[in-house]
Amino acid sequence: MKYIITESQLYRVVFRYLDIHRFIKIENEDKIYFVHSENNEFSEITYQKKYKTCNIDNNLISLVSDFFSLNRKDTIEIIGRWVEYNLQMQVNDIWGSNKGGITALRIKK
């Protein structure tokens, strides 16, 4: 069965899905990290305060993209908006990254 939903409904359900992950926010002077536990070596999402950029791990992008049958670009944009909503800070650039290295996939707002 297929359903037609609005963009705001899609955002709301993806936001809830991300909230269920219960990320822990670790903050220092220039970055905010979203991790699953304080012992994690790598963050799932990293927000750079100075440049207002967001780096999202490719595994998280794939997880959300596959679960909701979204393309990668839409998934990255929705996760970036979720970060804006959670931090109440603007996100100018959103990058997909591989555990420490940035890939070519970029969304500029």
N, C-alpha and C. Protein backbone atom coordinates (compact mmCIF):
# COMPACT_ATOMS: atom_id res chain seq x y z
N MET A 1 0.84 -1.18 0.00
CA MET A 1 0.00 0.00 0.00
C MET A 1 0.88 1.24 0.00
N LYS A 2 0.55 2.22 -0.79
CA LYS A 2 1.31 3.46 -0.84
C LYS A 2 0.45 4.59 -0.29
N TYR A 3 1.13 5.51 0.39
CA TYR A 3 0.46 6.65 0.97
C TYR A 3 1.11 7.92 0.45
N ILE A 4 0.33 8.96 0.33
CA ILE A 4 0.85 10.27 -0.02
C ILE A 4 0.85 11.10 1.26
N ILE A 5 2.05 11.61 1.60
CA ILE A 5 2.15 12.45 2.79
C ILE A 5 2.78 13.78 2.40
N THR A 6 2.54 14.77 3.20
CA THR A 6 3.10 16.10 2.94
C THR A 6 4.56 16.13 3.38
N GLU A 7 5.26 17.15 2.92
CA GLU A 7 6.67 17.31 3.31
C GLU A 7 6.81 17.51 4.81
N SER A 8 5.91 18.28 5.40
CA SER A 8 5.99 18.51 6.84
C SER A 8 5.74 17.22 7.62
N GLN A 9 4.85 16.36 7.13
CA GLN A 9 4.63 15.08 7.79
C GLN A 9 5.87 14.19 7.71
N LEU A 10 6.53 14.22 6.55
CA LEU A 10 7.76 13.44 6.37
C LEU A 10 8.83 13.93 7.34
N TYR A 11 9.01 15.24 7.42
CA TYR A 11 10.00 15.80 8.34
C TYR A 11 9.67 15.40 9.78
N ARG A 12 8.42 15.49 10.14
CA ARG A 12 8.02 15.16 11.52
C ARG A 12 8.34 13.71 11.86
N VAL A 13 8.06 12.79 10.94
CA VAL A 13 8.30 11.38 11.24
C VAL A 13 9.81 11.07 11.25
N VAL A 14 10.58 11.68 10.37
CA VAL A 14 12.04 11.47 10.39
C VAL A 14 12.65 12.09 11.65
N PHE A 15 12.15 13.26 12.05
CA PHE A 15 12.63 13.88 13.29
C PHE A 15 12.38 12.95 14.47
N ARG A 16 11.20 12.35 14.54
CA ARG A 16 10.88 11.42 15.62
C ARG A 16 11.81 10.21 15.59
N TYR A 17 12.06 9.72 14.39
CA TYR A 17 12.96 8.57 14.22
C TYR A 17 14.36 8.92 14.76
N LEU A 18 14.85 10.11 14.43
CA LEU A 18 16.16 10.53 14.92
C LEU A 18 16.14 10.76 16.43
N ASP A 19 15.04 11.26 16.95
CA ASP A 19 14.91 11.46 18.40
C ASP A 19 14.99 10.13 19.15
N ILE A 20 14.47 9.07 18.55
CA ILE A 20 14.48 7.74 19.17
C ILE A 20 15.91 7.25 19.39
N HIS A 21 16.84 7.70 18.56
CA HIS A 21 18.24 7.29 18.70
C HIS A 21 18.88 7.85 19.97
N ARG A 22 18.27 8.86 20.56
CA ARG A 22 18.75 9.44 21.82
C ARG A 22 20.25 9.76 21.80
N PHE A 23 20.61 10.56 20.82
CA PHE A 23 22.00 10.98 20.72
C PHE A 23 22.40 11.79 21.94
N ILE A 24 23.63 11.61 22.36
CA ILE A 24 24.22 12.42 23.42
C ILE A 24 24.98 13.55 22.76
N LYS A 25 24.76 14.78 23.22
CA LYS A 25 25.47 15.93 22.66
C LYS A 25 26.69 16.23 23.52
N ILE A 26 27.84 16.25 22.87
CA ILE A 26 29.08 16.62 23.54
C ILE A 26 29.57 17.90 22.89
N GLU A 27 29.78 18.91 23.71
CA GLU A 27 30.11 20.24 23.17
C GLU A 27 31.47 20.69 23.67
N ASN A 28 32.24 21.29 22.75
CA ASN A 28 33.47 21.96 23.14
C ASN A 28 33.41 23.38 22.57
N GLU A 29 34.52 24.09 22.55
CA GLU A 29 34.51 25.49 22.12
C GLU A 29 34.00 25.70 20.71
N ASP A 30 34.39 24.82 19.78
CA ASP A 30 34.05 25.07 18.38
C ASP A 30 33.16 24.02 17.73
N LYS A 31 32.86 22.92 18.40
CA LYS A 31 32.04 21.87 17.79
C LYS A 31 31.05 21.27 18.77
N ILE A 32 29.98 20.71 18.20
CA ILE A 32 29.02 19.93 18.96
C ILE A 32 28.94 18.57 18.28
N TYR A 33 29.12 17.52 19.06
CA TYR A 33 29.11 16.16 18.54
C TYR A 33 27.84 15.45 18.99
N PHE A 34 27.22 14.70 18.08
CA PHE A 34 26.09 13.84 18.41
C PHE A 34 26.62 12.41 18.38
N VAL A 35 26.65 11.75 19.53
CA VAL A 35 27.19 10.39 19.64
C VAL A 35 26.16 9.49 20.31
N HIS A 36 26.35 8.18 20.17
CA HIS A 36 25.44 7.23 20.82
C HIS A 36 25.80 7.00 22.28
N SER A 37 27.08 7.12 22.58
CA SER A 37 27.52 7.01 23.98
C SER A 37 28.77 7.85 24.15
N GLU A 38 29.07 8.19 25.36
CA GLU A 38 30.23 9.05 25.63
C GLU A 38 31.54 8.36 25.30
N ASN A 39 31.53 7.05 25.13
CA ASN A 39 32.74 6.30 24.81
C ASN A 39 32.97 6.15 23.31
N ASN A 40 32.04 6.66 22.49
CA ASN A 40 32.20 6.53 21.04
C ASN A 40 33.43 7.28 20.56
N GLU A 41 34.15 6.65 19.65
CA GLU A 41 35.34 7.27 19.09
C GLU A 41 34.97 8.28 18.01
N PHE A 42 33.90 8.00 17.27
CA PHE A 42 33.46 8.88 16.18
C PHE A 42 32.03 9.33 16.43
N SER A 43 31.73 10.53 15.97
CA SER A 43 30.38 11.05 16.13
C SER A 43 29.55 10.71 14.89
N GLU A 44 28.26 10.61 15.09
CA GLU A 44 27.34 10.40 13.97
C GLU A 44 27.10 11.72 13.24
N ILE A 45 27.07 12.81 14.01
CA ILE A 45 26.87 14.15 13.45
C ILE A 45 27.81 15.10 14.18
N THR A 46 28.46 15.97 13.42
CA THR A 46 29.33 16.99 14.00
C THR A 46 28.90 18.35 13.47
N TYR A 47 28.63 19.28 14.38
CA TYR A 47 28.25 20.64 14.00
C TYR A 47 29.41 21.57 14.34
N GLN A 48 29.91 22.31 13.35
CA GLN A 48 30.98 23.28 13.57
C GLN A 48 30.36 24.65 13.74
N LYS A 49 30.50 25.19 14.94
CA LYS A 49 29.85 26.46 15.29
C LYS A 49 30.32 27.63 14.45
N LYS A 50 31.62 27.75 14.25
CA LYS A 50 32.18 28.91 13.55
C LYS A 50 31.66 29.00 12.11
N TYR A 51 31.65 27.88 11.42
CA TYR A 51 31.25 27.88 10.01
C TYR A 51 29.80 27.48 9.79
N LYS A 52 29.13 27.08 10.87
CA LYS A 52 27.73 26.64 10.81
C LYS A 52 27.56 25.51 9.80
N THR A 53 28.47 24.53 9.87
CA THR A 53 28.40 23.38 8.99
C THR A 53 28.09 22.13 9.79
N CYS A 54 27.53 21.17 9.11
CA CYS A 54 27.11 19.93 9.73
C CYS A 54 27.69 18.77 8.92
N ASN A 55 28.45 17.89 9.57
CA ASN A 55 28.98 16.68 8.95
C ASN A 55 28.19 15.49 9.48
N ILE A 56 27.60 14.73 8.56
CA ILE A 56 26.77 13.59 8.94
C ILE A 56 27.45 12.32 8.45
N ASP A 57 27.57 11.33 9.33
CA ASP A 57 28.20 10.07 8.97
C ASP A 57 27.37 9.35 7.90
N ASN A 58 28.06 8.78 6.91
CA ASN A 58 27.39 8.08 5.82
C ASN A 58 26.55 6.90 6.29
N ASN A 59 26.95 6.25 7.37
CA ASN A 59 26.15 5.13 7.89
C ASN A 59 24.79 5.61 8.39
N LEU A 60 24.75 6.76 9.04
CA LEU A 60 23.48 7.33 9.50
C LEU A 60 22.64 7.75 8.29
N ILE A 61 23.27 8.35 7.30
CA ILE A 61 22.55 8.76 6.08
C ILE A 61 21.92 7.54 5.43
N SER A 62 22.69 6.47 5.30
CA SER A 62 22.18 5.23 4.68
C SER A 62 21.05 4.62 5.50
N LEU A 63 21.20 4.63 6.81
CA LEU A 63 20.18 4.07 7.70
C LEU A 63 18.84 4.79 7.50
N VAL A 64 18.87 6.12 7.54
CA VAL A 64 17.64 6.91 7.38
C VAL A 64 17.12 6.79 5.95
N SER A 65 18.01 6.88 4.99
CA SER A 65 17.63 6.81 3.59
C SER A 65 16.94 5.49 3.25
N ASP A 66 17.52 4.39 3.71
CA ASP A 66 16.94 3.07 3.45
C ASP A 66 15.62 2.87 4.19
N PHE A 67 15.56 3.30 5.43
CA PHE A 67 14.36 3.10 6.24
C PHE A 67 13.15 3.84 5.65
N PHE A 68 13.38 5.06 5.16
CA PHE A 68 12.28 5.87 4.64
C PHE A 68 12.21 5.90 3.12
N SER A 69 13.06 5.14 2.45
CA SER A 69 13.11 5.10 0.98
C SER A 69 13.28 6.49 0.39
N LEU A 70 14.24 7.23 0.92
CA LEU A 70 14.55 8.57 0.45
C LEU A 70 15.88 8.55 -0.29
N ASN A 71 16.08 9.51 -1.20
CA ASN A 71 17.40 9.60 -1.82
C ASN A 71 18.35 10.27 -0.83
N ARG A 72 19.64 10.15 -1.09
CA ARG A 72 20.66 10.65 -0.15
C ARG A 72 20.57 12.16 0.04
N LYS A 73 20.34 12.88 -1.03
CA LYS A 73 20.29 14.34 -0.93
C LYS A 73 19.16 14.79 0.00
N ASP A 74 17.98 14.22 -0.17
CA ASP A 74 16.85 14.58 0.70
C ASP A 74 17.12 14.17 2.14
N THR A 75 17.73 13.00 2.32
CA THR A 75 18.04 12.52 3.66
C THR A 75 19.00 13.46 4.37
N ILE A 76 20.04 13.88 3.67
CA ILE A 76 21.02 14.80 4.26
C ILE A 76 20.36 16.12 4.64
N GLU A 77 19.50 16.62 3.79
CA GLU A 77 18.82 17.89 4.08
C GLU A 77 17.91 17.77 5.29
N ILE A 78 17.18 16.67 5.40
CA ILE A 78 16.28 16.48 6.54
C ILE A 78 17.07 16.35 7.84
N ILE A 79 18.16 15.59 7.82
CA ILE A 79 18.98 15.45 9.02
C ILE A 79 19.57 16.81 9.40
N GLY A 80 19.98 17.60 8.42
CA GLY A 80 20.50 18.94 8.69
C GLY A 80 19.45 19.83 9.35
N ARG A 81 18.22 19.72 8.90
CA ARG A 81 17.14 20.49 9.54
C ARG A 81 16.86 20.00 10.95
N TRP A 82 17.01 18.70 11.16
CA TRP A 82 16.83 18.16 12.51
C TRP A 82 17.90 18.73 13.45
N VAL A 83 19.12 18.85 12.95
CA VAL A 83 20.20 19.45 13.74
C VAL A 83 19.86 20.90 14.06
N GLU A 84 19.39 21.65 13.07
CA GLU A 84 18.98 23.04 13.31
C GLU A 84 17.91 23.11 14.40
N TYR A 85 16.94 22.23 14.30
CA TYR A 85 15.83 22.20 15.27
C TYR A 85 16.34 21.87 16.67
N ASN A 86 17.22 20.87 16.79
CA ASN A 86 17.72 20.46 18.09
C ASN A 86 18.65 21.47 18.73
N LEU A 87 19.49 22.10 17.94
CA LEU A 87 20.46 23.04 18.48
C LEU A 87 19.96 24.47 18.50
N GLN A 88 18.88 24.72 17.77
CA GLN A 88 18.38 26.09 17.61
C GLN A 88 19.49 26.98 17.06
N MET A 89 20.23 26.44 16.09
CA MET A 89 21.31 27.16 15.42
C MET A 89 21.17 26.94 13.92
N GLN A 90 21.63 27.89 13.16
CA GLN A 90 21.55 27.81 11.71
C GLN A 90 22.59 26.83 11.17
N VAL A 91 22.22 26.10 10.11
CA VAL A 91 23.14 25.22 9.40
C VAL A 91 23.24 25.73 7.97
N ASN A 92 24.44 26.16 7.57
CA ASN A 92 24.65 26.68 6.22
C ASN A 92 25.06 25.62 5.22
N ASP A 93 25.93 24.73 5.61
CA ASP A 93 26.41 23.65 4.75
C ASP A 93 26.23 22.33 5.46
N ILE A 94 25.89 21.30 4.67
CA ILE A 94 25.72 19.96 5.21
C ILE A 94 26.56 19.02 4.36
N TRP A 95 27.38 18.22 5.01
CA TRP A 95 28.27 17.28 4.33
C TRP A 95 27.97 15.86 4.77
N GLY A 96 28.12 14.92 3.84
CA GLY A 96 28.15 13.51 4.18
C GLY A 96 29.60 13.15 4.44
N SER A 97 29.89 12.36 5.47
CA SER A 97 31.28 12.05 5.80
C SER A 97 31.46 10.57 6.14
N ASN A 98 32.69 10.12 5.99
CA ASN A 98 33.08 8.76 6.37
C ASN A 98 33.93 8.82 7.62
N LYS A 99 33.42 8.51 8.75
CA LYS A 99 34.16 8.40 10.01
C LYS A 99 35.47 9.18 10.00
N GLY A 100 35.35 10.48 9.89
CA GLY A 100 36.54 11.33 9.97
C GLY A 100 36.94 11.97 8.66
N GLY A 101 36.45 11.49 7.52
CA GLY A 101 36.81 12.07 6.23
C GLY A 101 35.59 12.57 5.49
N ILE A 102 35.68 13.72 4.88
CA ILE A 102 34.54 14.29 4.18
C ILE A 102 34.46 13.76 2.77
N THR A 103 33.27 13.41 2.31
CA THR A 103 33.06 12.96 0.95
C THR A 103 32.61 14.12 0.09
N ALA A 104 32.34 13.84 -1.15
CA ALA A 104 31.98 14.88 -2.10
C ALA A 104 30.53 15.33 -1.99
N LEU A 105 29.69 14.60 -1.29
CA LEU A 105 28.27 14.95 -1.25
C LEU A 105 28.05 16.11 -0.30
N ARG A 106 27.60 17.23 -0.83
CA ARG A 106 27.44 18.45 -0.06
C ARG A 106 26.13 19.12 -0.43
N ILE A 107 25.45 19.67 0.56
CA ILE A 107 24.23 20.44 0.36
C ILE A 107 24.50 21.82 0.90
N LYS A 108 24.36 22.83 0.06
CA LYS A 108 24.57 24.20 0.51
C LYS A 108 23.21 24.86 0.55
N LYS A 109 22.92 25.52 1.67
CA LYS A 109 21.61 26.16 1.83
C LYS A 109 21.67 27.59 1.38
